[in-house]
């Protein structure tokens, strides 16, 4: 059965057989967001058939939202912190989160994805294709240090080969300025 989860106004629909967790909702992640660590975890950790995905979701289509100049660095740090939390939980965690973390760390392949919605003035891909490509280049520079060489930058219109679907939540679309 497909797995569907909502993050930041978008539904992520994973095909049958995927294991998906909202890492930033785990108690272990919430503990390390406080002093002294100030850890920032990614939104989703997903895996299937020995392939791990760390997914950070951003939506800059709200009125007055601005894409930070250092977005790639911030997202790269979230991926790094997420891996640290997975290590801690795999070693000393509780319940199913411990098993999930151990399985995630046993994956033979790791991918990272920034799923980002950028304002496009209602033109869908026109006007966001170049910023998405630039973000991918910056993210590649950052994640290379994690030994991840092909990060993905996607949005609800340009999936770029990710194995899930994204559907924007129609109930929250009115709060956005891109359409």
N, C-alpha and C. Protein backbone atom coordinates (compact mmCIF):
# COMPACT_ATOMS: atom_id res chain seq x y z
N UNK A 1 0.84 -1.18 0.00
CA UNK A 1 0.00 0.00 0.00
C UNK A 1 0.89 1.25 0.00
N UNK A 2 0.58 2.25 -0.82
CA UNK A 2 1.39 3.47 -0.85
C UNK A 2 1.41 4.19 0.50
N UNK A 3 2.48 4.91 0.74
CA UNK A 3 2.64 5.69 1.97
C UNK A 3 2.49 7.15 1.59
N UNK A 4 1.58 7.86 2.27
CA UNK A 4 1.36 9.27 2.00
C UNK A 4 1.58 10.05 3.28
N UNK A 5 2.36 11.13 3.18
CA UNK A 5 2.60 11.98 4.33
C UNK A 5 2.64 13.43 3.89
N UNK A 6 2.15 14.32 4.75
CA UNK A 6 2.13 15.74 4.41
C UNK A 6 3.26 16.47 5.11
N UNK A 7 3.96 17.29 4.35
CA UNK A 7 5.02 18.13 4.88
C UNK A 7 4.89 19.51 4.24
N UNK A 8 4.79 20.53 5.06
CA UNK A 8 4.81 21.93 4.60
C UNK A 8 3.84 22.20 3.46
N UNK A 9 2.63 21.66 3.56
CA UNK A 9 1.60 21.95 2.57
C UNK A 9 1.64 21.10 1.32
N UNK A 10 2.47 20.07 1.30
CA UNK A 10 2.53 19.16 0.14
C UNK A 10 2.41 17.72 0.62
N UNK A 11 1.71 16.92 -0.17
CA UNK A 11 1.60 15.49 0.11
C UNK A 11 2.69 14.76 -0.66
N UNK A 12 3.44 13.94 0.03
CA UNK A 12 4.45 13.08 -0.58
C UNK A 12 3.86 11.68 -0.61
N UNK A 13 3.78 11.11 -1.81
CA UNK A 13 3.18 9.80 -1.99
C UNK A 13 4.26 8.83 -2.46
N UNK A 14 4.61 7.90 -1.59
CA UNK A 14 5.63 6.90 -1.88
C UNK A 14 4.95 5.61 -2.31
N UNK A 15 5.48 4.94 -3.33
CA UNK A 15 4.88 3.68 -3.77
C UNK A 15 4.93 2.60 -2.68
N UNK A 16 4.24 1.55 -2.93
CA UNK A 16 4.18 0.41 -2.02
C UNK A 16 5.58 -0.08 -1.67
N UNK A 17 5.79 -0.44 -0.42
CA UNK A 17 7.04 -1.02 0.02
C UNK A 17 8.04 -0.05 0.62
N UNK A 18 7.76 1.25 0.59
CA UNK A 18 8.65 2.24 1.16
C UNK A 18 8.43 2.35 2.67
N UNK A 19 9.50 2.61 3.39
CA UNK A 19 9.44 2.91 4.82
C UNK A 19 9.80 4.39 4.95
N UNK A 20 8.90 5.16 5.54
CA UNK A 20 9.06 6.62 5.60
C UNK A 20 8.83 7.08 7.03
N UNK A 21 9.70 7.96 7.50
CA UNK A 21 9.55 8.55 8.82
C UNK A 21 9.76 10.05 8.72
N UNK A 22 8.99 10.80 9.53
CA UNK A 22 9.20 12.23 9.67
C UNK A 22 10.21 12.43 10.79
N UNK A 23 11.47 12.53 10.42
CA UNK A 23 12.55 12.57 11.41
C UNK A 23 12.42 13.77 12.34
N UNK A 24 12.02 14.91 11.83
CA UNK A 24 11.96 16.09 12.70
C UNK A 24 10.84 16.01 13.74
N UNK A 25 10.02 14.97 13.68
CA UNK A 25 8.99 14.77 14.71
C UNK A 25 9.40 13.73 15.76
N UNK A 26 10.54 13.08 15.56
CA UNK A 26 11.01 12.10 16.54
C UNK A 26 11.41 12.81 17.83
N UNK A 27 11.13 12.21 18.99
CA UNK A 27 11.55 12.81 20.26
C UNK A 27 13.08 12.97 20.34
N UNK A 28 13.80 12.03 19.76
CA UNK A 28 15.27 12.11 19.79
C UNK A 28 15.77 13.32 19.01
N UNK A 29 15.11 13.62 17.90
CA UNK A 29 15.50 14.81 17.11
C UNK A 29 15.12 16.08 17.86
N UNK A 30 13.94 16.08 18.46
CA UNK A 30 13.50 17.27 19.20
C UNK A 30 14.43 17.58 20.37
N UNK A 31 14.97 16.55 21.01
CA UNK A 31 15.89 16.77 22.14
C UNK A 31 17.16 17.47 21.70
N UNK A 32 17.70 17.10 20.56
CA UNK A 32 18.98 17.67 20.14
C UNK A 32 18.83 19.01 19.42
N UNK A 33 17.58 19.48 19.25
CA UNK A 33 17.42 20.83 18.70
C UNK A 33 17.70 21.88 19.76
N UNK A 34 17.75 21.45 21.00
CA UNK A 34 17.98 22.36 22.11
C UNK A 34 19.48 22.52 22.38
N UNK A 35 19.80 23.40 23.30
CA UNK A 35 21.18 23.62 23.74
C UNK A 35 21.72 22.31 24.28
N UNK A 36 22.94 21.94 24.02
CA UNK A 36 23.99 22.68 23.34
C UNK A 36 24.11 22.36 21.85
N UNK A 37 23.29 21.44 21.32
CA UNK A 37 23.52 20.94 19.96
C UNK A 37 22.89 21.79 18.86
N UNK A 38 21.68 22.27 19.07
CA UNK A 38 20.96 23.06 18.07
C UNK A 38 20.90 22.34 16.72
N UNK A 39 20.65 21.05 16.77
CA UNK A 39 20.60 20.22 15.57
C UNK A 39 19.35 20.54 14.76
N UNK A 40 19.49 20.45 13.47
CA UNK A 40 18.37 20.64 12.55
C UNK A 40 18.24 19.37 11.72
N UNK A 41 17.12 18.69 11.85
CA UNK A 41 16.93 17.46 11.10
C UNK A 41 16.15 17.70 9.82
N UNK A 42 16.34 16.80 8.86
CA UNK A 42 15.57 16.91 7.62
C UNK A 42 14.14 16.44 7.89
N UNK A 43 13.27 16.70 6.93
CA UNK A 43 11.85 16.41 7.13
C UNK A 43 11.52 14.92 7.03
N UNK A 44 12.04 14.26 6.00
CA UNK A 44 11.70 12.86 5.77
C UNK A 44 12.94 12.01 5.60
N UNK A 45 12.86 10.81 6.12
CA UNK A 45 13.84 9.76 5.85
C UNK A 45 13.03 8.62 5.25
N UNK A 46 13.43 8.22 4.05
CA UNK A 46 12.69 7.18 3.34
C UNK A 46 13.66 6.14 2.82
N UNK A 47 13.22 4.88 2.79
CA UNK A 47 14.10 3.84 2.26
C UNK A 47 13.29 2.70 1.67
N UNK A 48 13.95 2.08 0.71
CA UNK A 48 13.39 0.89 0.07
C UNK A 48 14.53 0.18 -0.64
N UNK A 49 14.58 -1.13 -0.50
CA UNK A 49 15.53 -1.97 -1.22
C UNK A 49 16.98 -1.50 -1.08
N UNK A 50 17.37 -1.11 0.13
CA UNK A 50 18.76 -0.72 0.37
C UNK A 50 19.14 0.65 -0.11
N UNK A 51 18.16 1.46 -0.46
CA UNK A 51 18.43 2.83 -0.90
C UNK A 51 17.78 3.79 0.08
N UNK A 52 18.58 4.69 0.62
CA UNK A 52 18.16 5.67 1.62
C UNK A 52 18.01 7.03 0.97
N UNK A 53 16.93 7.73 1.32
CA UNK A 53 16.70 9.10 0.88
C UNK A 53 16.51 9.99 2.10
N UNK A 54 17.26 11.08 2.17
CA UNK A 54 17.02 12.14 3.15
C UNK A 54 16.38 13.29 2.37
N UNK A 55 15.22 13.74 2.81
CA UNK A 55 14.45 14.73 2.06
C UNK A 55 14.17 15.94 2.94
N UNK A 56 14.57 17.10 2.44
CA UNK A 56 14.25 18.36 3.10
C UNK A 56 13.24 19.09 2.23
N UNK A 57 12.17 19.58 2.86
CA UNK A 57 11.07 20.22 2.15
C UNK A 57 11.05 21.71 2.50
N UNK A 58 11.02 22.55 1.48
CA UNK A 58 10.96 24.00 1.67
C UNK A 58 9.90 24.56 0.73
N UNK A 59 9.16 25.56 1.21
CA UNK A 59 8.15 26.20 0.39
C UNK A 59 8.30 27.72 0.54
N UNK A 60 8.74 28.36 -0.53
CA UNK A 60 8.94 29.80 -0.53
C UNK A 60 7.88 30.52 -1.34
N UNK A 61 6.71 29.91 -1.46
CA UNK A 61 5.64 30.54 -2.22
C UNK A 61 4.66 31.30 -1.33
N UNK A 62 4.97 31.41 -0.05
CA UNK A 62 4.14 32.23 0.83
C UNK A 62 4.46 33.70 0.59
N UNK A 63 3.51 34.59 0.79
CA UNK A 63 3.79 36.02 0.61
C UNK A 63 4.99 36.45 1.48
N UNK A 64 5.86 37.22 0.90
CA UNK A 64 7.06 37.77 1.55
C UNK A 64 8.10 36.72 1.92
N UNK A 65 7.93 35.48 1.49
CA UNK A 65 8.96 34.46 1.74
C UNK A 65 10.14 34.73 0.82
N UNK A 66 11.32 34.51 1.34
CA UNK A 66 12.54 34.77 0.57
C UNK A 66 13.47 33.57 0.69
N UNK A 67 14.02 33.14 -0.43
CA UNK A 67 14.97 32.03 -0.44
C UNK A 67 16.29 32.55 0.12
N UNK A 68 16.81 31.97 1.19
CA UNK A 68 18.08 32.45 1.74
C UNK A 68 19.24 32.17 0.78
N UNK A 69 20.21 33.06 0.78
CA UNK A 69 21.38 32.89 -0.09
C UNK A 69 22.17 31.63 0.25
N UNK A 70 22.13 31.23 1.50
CA UNK A 70 22.91 30.06 1.94
C UNK A 70 22.03 28.82 2.12
N UNK A 71 20.97 28.70 1.32
CA UNK A 71 20.04 27.57 1.45
C UNK A 71 20.76 26.23 1.32
N UNK A 72 21.65 26.08 0.37
CA UNK A 72 22.35 24.80 0.17
C UNK A 72 23.16 24.42 1.41
N UNK A 73 23.82 25.38 2.03
CA UNK A 73 24.59 25.09 3.25
C UNK A 73 23.68 24.68 4.40
N UNK A 74 22.55 25.39 4.53
CA UNK A 74 21.61 25.05 5.60
C UNK A 74 21.04 23.65 5.40
N UNK A 75 20.70 23.32 4.18
CA UNK A 75 20.14 22.00 3.88
C UNK A 75 21.20 20.92 4.06
N UNK A 76 22.41 21.17 3.61
CA UNK A 76 23.50 20.22 3.80
C UNK A 76 23.74 19.92 5.28
N UNK A 77 23.68 20.96 6.11
CA UNK A 77 23.84 20.77 7.55
C UNK A 77 22.70 19.92 8.11
N UNK A 78 21.48 20.11 7.61
CA UNK A 78 20.36 19.29 8.06
C UNK A 78 20.58 17.82 7.71
N UNK A 79 21.12 17.55 6.52
CA UNK A 79 21.41 16.17 6.15
C UNK A 79 22.45 15.57 7.10
N UNK A 80 23.49 16.34 7.39
CA UNK A 80 24.55 15.87 8.29
C UNK A 80 23.99 15.59 9.69
N UNK A 81 23.19 16.53 10.21
CA UNK A 81 22.59 16.34 11.53
C UNK A 81 21.64 15.14 11.54
N UNK A 82 20.93 14.94 10.45
CA UNK A 82 20.00 13.80 10.37
C UNK A 82 20.76 12.48 10.45
N UNK A 83 21.88 12.41 9.75
CA UNK A 83 22.69 11.19 9.82
C UNK A 83 23.21 10.96 11.24
N UNK A 84 23.58 12.03 11.92
CA UNK A 84 24.04 11.90 13.30
C UNK A 84 22.93 11.36 14.20
N UNK A 85 21.72 11.88 14.04
CA UNK A 85 20.60 11.40 14.85
C UNK A 85 20.30 9.94 14.53
N UNK A 86 20.33 9.57 13.26
CA UNK A 86 20.11 8.16 12.91
C UNK A 86 21.15 7.26 13.58
N UNK A 87 22.40 7.70 13.63
CA UNK A 87 23.45 6.91 14.29
C UNK A 87 23.16 6.76 15.78
N UNK A 88 22.81 7.85 16.44
CA UNK A 88 22.54 7.80 17.88
C UNK A 88 21.35 6.89 18.17
N UNK A 89 20.28 7.03 17.40
CA UNK A 89 19.07 6.23 17.64
C UNK A 89 19.33 4.76 17.31
N UNK A 90 20.11 4.48 16.27
CA UNK A 90 20.42 3.08 15.93
C UNK A 90 21.21 2.42 17.06
N UNK A 91 22.02 3.17 17.73
CA UNK A 91 22.87 2.60 18.79
C UNK A 91 22.14 2.53 20.14
N UNK A 92 21.43 3.62 20.49
CA UNK A 92 20.86 3.70 21.83
C UNK A 92 19.37 4.01 21.86
N UNK A 93 18.71 3.96 20.73
CA UNK A 93 17.30 4.33 20.66
C UNK A 93 16.36 3.28 21.20
N UNK A 94 15.09 3.58 21.08
CA UNK A 94 14.03 2.73 21.59
C UNK A 94 13.09 2.32 20.46
N UNK A 95 12.38 1.23 20.69
CA UNK A 95 11.25 0.82 19.86
C UNK A 95 11.60 0.69 18.38
N UNK A 96 10.61 0.98 17.54
CA UNK A 96 10.76 0.84 16.10
C UNK A 96 11.71 1.86 15.49
N UNK A 97 11.90 2.99 16.16
CA UNK A 97 12.82 4.00 15.63
C UNK A 97 14.25 3.48 15.61
N UNK A 98 14.59 2.64 16.58
CA UNK A 98 15.93 2.05 16.62
C UNK A 98 16.12 1.11 15.42
N UNK A 99 15.13 0.28 15.17
CA UNK A 99 15.21 -0.64 14.03
C UNK A 99 15.23 0.12 12.71
N UNK A 100 14.39 1.15 12.59
CA UNK A 100 14.35 1.95 11.38
C UNK A 100 15.72 2.59 11.14
N UNK A 101 16.31 3.18 12.18
CA UNK A 101 17.61 3.85 12.05
C UNK A 101 18.69 2.87 11.65
N UNK A 102 18.71 1.71 12.27
CA UNK A 102 19.72 0.70 11.92
C UNK A 102 19.56 0.27 10.46
N UNK A 103 18.33 0.09 10.03
CA UNK A 103 18.09 -0.26 8.62
C UNK A 103 18.52 0.86 7.68
N UNK A 104 18.24 2.09 8.07
CA UNK A 104 18.63 3.23 7.23
C UNK A 104 20.15 3.29 7.07
N UNK A 105 20.86 3.07 8.17
CA UNK A 105 22.33 3.15 8.11
C UNK A 105 22.94 1.94 7.40
N UNK A 106 22.18 0.87 7.28
CA UNK A 106 22.67 -0.32 6.57
C UNK A 106 22.46 -0.22 5.06
N UNK A 107 21.76 0.81 4.61
CA UNK A 107 21.51 0.96 3.17
C UNK A 107 22.84 1.10 2.43
N UNK A 108 22.89 0.49 1.26
CA UNK A 108 24.13 0.50 0.47
C UNK A 108 24.30 1.78 -0.34
N UNK A 109 23.22 2.56 -0.44
CA UNK A 109 23.24 3.77 -1.26
C UNK A 109 22.46 4.86 -0.54
N UNK A 110 22.96 6.10 -0.59
CA UNK A 110 22.27 7.23 0.04
C UNK A 110 22.08 8.35 -0.97
N UNK A 111 20.90 8.94 -0.92
CA UNK A 111 20.57 10.08 -1.77
C UNK A 111 20.01 11.19 -0.90
N UNK A 112 20.16 12.42 -1.37
CA UNK A 112 19.55 13.55 -0.69
C UNK A 112 18.69 14.31 -1.69
N UNK A 113 17.61 14.90 -1.18
CA UNK A 113 16.70 15.65 -2.05
C UNK A 113 16.24 16.90 -1.33
N UNK A 114 16.35 18.02 -2.01
CA UNK A 114 15.72 19.25 -1.57
C UNK A 114 14.47 19.41 -2.42
N UNK A 115 13.31 19.26 -1.79
CA UNK A 115 12.02 19.44 -2.47
C UNK A 115 11.58 20.86 -2.17
N UNK A 116 11.75 21.74 -3.13
CA UNK A 116 11.56 23.17 -2.89
C UNK A 116 10.55 23.76 -3.85
N UNK A 117 9.60 24.50 -3.30
CA UNK A 117 8.63 25.23 -4.11
C UNK A 117 9.07 26.68 -4.18
N UNK A 118 9.26 27.17 -5.39
CA UNK A 118 9.68 28.55 -5.62
C UNK A 118 8.56 29.30 -6.32
N UNK A 119 8.39 30.59 -6.03
CA UNK A 119 7.35 31.35 -6.72
C UNK A 119 7.64 31.42 -8.21
N UNK A 120 6.60 31.23 -9.01
CA UNK A 120 6.79 31.23 -10.47
C UNK A 120 5.77 32.10 -11.19
N UNK A 121 4.99 32.86 -10.44
CA UNK A 121 4.02 33.75 -11.06
C UNK A 121 2.96 33.02 -11.86
N UNK A 122 2.69 31.77 -11.54
CA UNK A 122 1.67 31.00 -12.23
C UNK A 122 2.14 30.38 -13.53
N UNK A 123 3.43 30.45 -13.81
CA UNK A 123 3.95 29.93 -15.08
C UNK A 123 4.57 28.54 -14.93
N UNK A 124 4.35 27.91 -13.80
CA UNK A 124 4.84 26.56 -13.48
C UNK A 124 6.35 26.47 -13.59
N UNK A 125 6.90 26.04 -14.71
CA UNK A 125 8.34 25.80 -14.80
C UNK A 125 9.12 27.01 -15.30
N UNK A 126 8.49 27.87 -16.07
CA UNK A 126 9.20 29.02 -16.59
C UNK A 126 9.57 29.93 -15.42
N UNK A 127 10.81 30.26 -15.31
CA UNK A 127 11.26 31.14 -14.24
C UNK A 127 11.81 30.42 -13.03
N UNK A 128 11.55 29.13 -12.87
CA UNK A 128 12.12 28.41 -11.73
C UNK A 128 13.14 27.36 -12.16
N UNK A 129 13.20 27.04 -13.43
CA UNK A 129 14.12 26.01 -13.89
C UNK A 129 15.57 26.38 -13.60
N UNK A 130 15.96 27.62 -13.90
CA UNK A 130 17.33 28.05 -13.64
C UNK A 130 17.64 28.11 -12.14
N UNK A 131 16.76 28.69 -11.31
CA UNK A 131 17.05 28.65 -9.86
C UNK A 131 17.15 27.22 -9.31
N UNK A 132 16.33 26.30 -9.80
CA UNK A 132 16.42 24.91 -9.35
C UNK A 132 17.77 24.32 -9.73
N UNK A 133 18.23 24.57 -10.94
CA UNK A 133 19.53 24.07 -11.40
C UNK A 133 20.66 24.68 -10.57
N UNK A 134 20.57 25.96 -10.27
CA UNK A 134 21.59 26.61 -9.45
C UNK A 134 21.62 26.03 -8.03
N UNK A 135 20.45 25.78 -7.47
CA UNK A 135 20.38 25.17 -6.14
C UNK A 135 21.01 23.77 -6.15
N UNK A 136 20.76 23.03 -7.21
CA UNK A 136 21.33 21.69 -7.31
C UNK A 136 22.85 21.74 -7.37
N UNK A 137 23.40 22.68 -8.12
CA UNK A 137 24.86 22.82 -8.21
C UNK A 137 25.45 23.19 -6.85
N UNK A 138 24.81 24.09 -6.14
CA UNK A 138 25.29 24.47 -4.81
C UNK A 138 25.17 23.30 -3.83
N UNK A 139 24.05 22.58 -3.90
CA UNK A 139 23.86 21.45 -3.01
C UNK A 139 24.87 20.34 -3.32
N UNK A 140 25.20 20.15 -4.58
CA UNK A 140 26.21 19.17 -4.97
C UNK A 140 27.56 19.52 -4.33
N UNK A 141 27.91 20.80 -4.36
CA UNK A 141 29.17 21.25 -3.75
C UNK A 141 29.19 20.93 -2.26
N UNK A 142 28.07 21.15 -1.58
CA UNK A 142 27.99 20.93 -0.15
C UNK A 142 27.96 19.45 0.20
N UNK A 143 27.12 18.68 -0.48
CA UNK A 143 26.92 17.27 -0.10
C UNK A 143 28.06 16.36 -0.56
N UNK A 144 28.90 16.84 -1.44
CA UNK A 144 30.07 16.05 -1.85
C UNK A 144 30.91 15.67 -0.62
N UNK A 145 30.93 16.54 0.37
CA UNK A 145 31.68 16.28 1.60
C UNK A 145 31.07 15.15 2.42
N UNK A 146 29.80 14.83 2.14
CA UNK A 146 29.13 13.70 2.79
C UNK A 146 29.21 12.44 1.92
N UNK A 147 29.94 12.54 0.82
CA UNK A 147 30.08 11.45 -0.15
C UNK A 147 28.79 11.18 -0.90
N UNK A 148 27.95 12.22 -1.02
CA UNK A 148 26.74 12.17 -1.83
C UNK A 148 27.01 13.07 -3.02
N UNK A 149 27.10 12.48 -4.19
CA UNK A 149 27.57 13.23 -5.35
C UNK A 149 26.47 13.67 -6.31
N UNK A 150 25.27 13.14 -6.18
CA UNK A 150 24.20 13.51 -7.10
C UNK A 150 22.93 13.89 -6.34
N UNK A 151 22.96 15.02 -5.64
CA UNK A 151 21.75 15.44 -4.95
C UNK A 151 20.67 15.81 -5.95
N UNK A 152 19.43 15.73 -5.50
CA UNK A 152 18.29 16.04 -6.35
C UNK A 152 17.61 17.29 -5.79
N UNK A 153 17.24 18.18 -6.68
CA UNK A 153 16.40 19.32 -6.31
C UNK A 153 15.15 19.18 -7.16
N UNK A 154 14.01 19.09 -6.49
CA UNK A 154 12.75 18.87 -7.20
C UNK A 154 11.68 19.81 -6.66
N UNK A 155 10.56 19.83 -7.35
CA UNK A 155 9.37 20.49 -6.83
C UNK A 155 8.14 19.76 -7.37
N UNK A 156 6.96 20.28 -7.09
CA UNK A 156 5.74 19.56 -7.46
C UNK A 156 5.53 19.48 -8.97
N UNK A 157 6.28 20.26 -9.75
CA UNK A 157 6.14 20.23 -11.21
C UNK A 157 7.33 19.57 -11.90
N UNK A 158 8.47 19.57 -11.28
CA UNK A 158 9.68 19.00 -11.87
C UNK A 158 10.27 18.02 -10.85
N UNK A 159 9.99 16.74 -11.06
CA UNK A 159 10.35 15.72 -10.08
C UNK A 159 11.83 15.29 -10.17
N UNK A 160 12.43 15.41 -11.32
CA UNK A 160 13.86 15.10 -11.50
C UNK A 160 14.25 13.70 -11.05
N UNK A 161 13.38 12.75 -11.33
CA UNK A 161 13.74 11.35 -11.11
C UNK A 161 13.56 10.80 -9.71
N UNK A 162 12.90 11.53 -8.81
CA UNK A 162 12.67 10.97 -7.48
C UNK A 162 11.60 9.88 -7.57
N UNK A 163 11.68 8.88 -6.70
CA UNK A 163 10.75 7.75 -6.79
C UNK A 163 9.41 7.95 -6.07
N UNK A 164 9.00 9.17 -5.84
CA UNK A 164 7.73 9.45 -5.21
C UNK A 164 7.04 10.57 -5.98
N UNK A 165 5.80 10.83 -5.60
CA UNK A 165 5.04 11.92 -6.21
C UNK A 165 4.81 13.00 -5.16
N UNK A 166 4.64 14.23 -5.63
CA UNK A 166 4.29 15.34 -4.74
C UNK A 166 3.02 15.98 -5.27
N UNK A 167 2.10 16.20 -4.36
CA UNK A 167 0.85 16.88 -4.71
C UNK A 167 0.64 17.99 -3.69
N UNK A 168 0.48 19.21 -4.15
CA UNK A 168 0.25 20.33 -3.24
C UNK A 168 -1.13 20.19 -2.59
N UNK A 169 -1.22 20.52 -1.33
CA UNK A 169 -2.48 20.43 -0.59
C UNK A 169 -3.41 21.55 -1.05
N UNK A 170 -4.54 21.20 -1.68
CA UNK A 170 -5.44 22.25 -2.19
C UNK A 170 -6.04 23.11 -1.09
N UNK A 171 -6.13 22.59 0.12
CA UNK A 171 -6.70 23.36 1.23
C UNK A 171 -5.80 24.51 1.67
N UNK A 172 -4.49 24.41 1.41
CA UNK A 172 -3.55 25.45 1.83
C UNK A 172 -3.08 26.32 0.68
N UNK A 173 -3.51 26.03 -0.55
CA UNK A 173 -3.03 26.77 -1.72
C UNK A 173 -3.37 28.25 -1.65
N UNK A 174 -4.46 28.60 -1.03
CA UNK A 174 -4.84 30.01 -0.94
C UNK A 174 -3.86 30.87 -0.18
N UNK A 175 -3.06 30.27 0.66
CA UNK A 175 -2.09 31.01 1.46
C UNK A 175 -0.81 31.32 0.69
N UNK A 176 -0.72 30.84 -0.54
CA UNK A 176 0.50 30.98 -1.34
C UNK A 176 0.34 32.08 -2.38
N UNK A 177 1.44 32.67 -2.77
CA UNK A 177 1.38 33.78 -3.71
C UNK A 177 1.86 33.39 -5.11
N UNK A 178 2.16 32.13 -5.34
CA UNK A 178 2.71 31.74 -6.64
C UNK A 178 1.64 31.39 -7.65
N UNK A 179 0.41 31.31 -7.29
CA UNK A 179 -0.63 30.93 -8.25
C UNK A 179 -1.80 31.92 -8.15
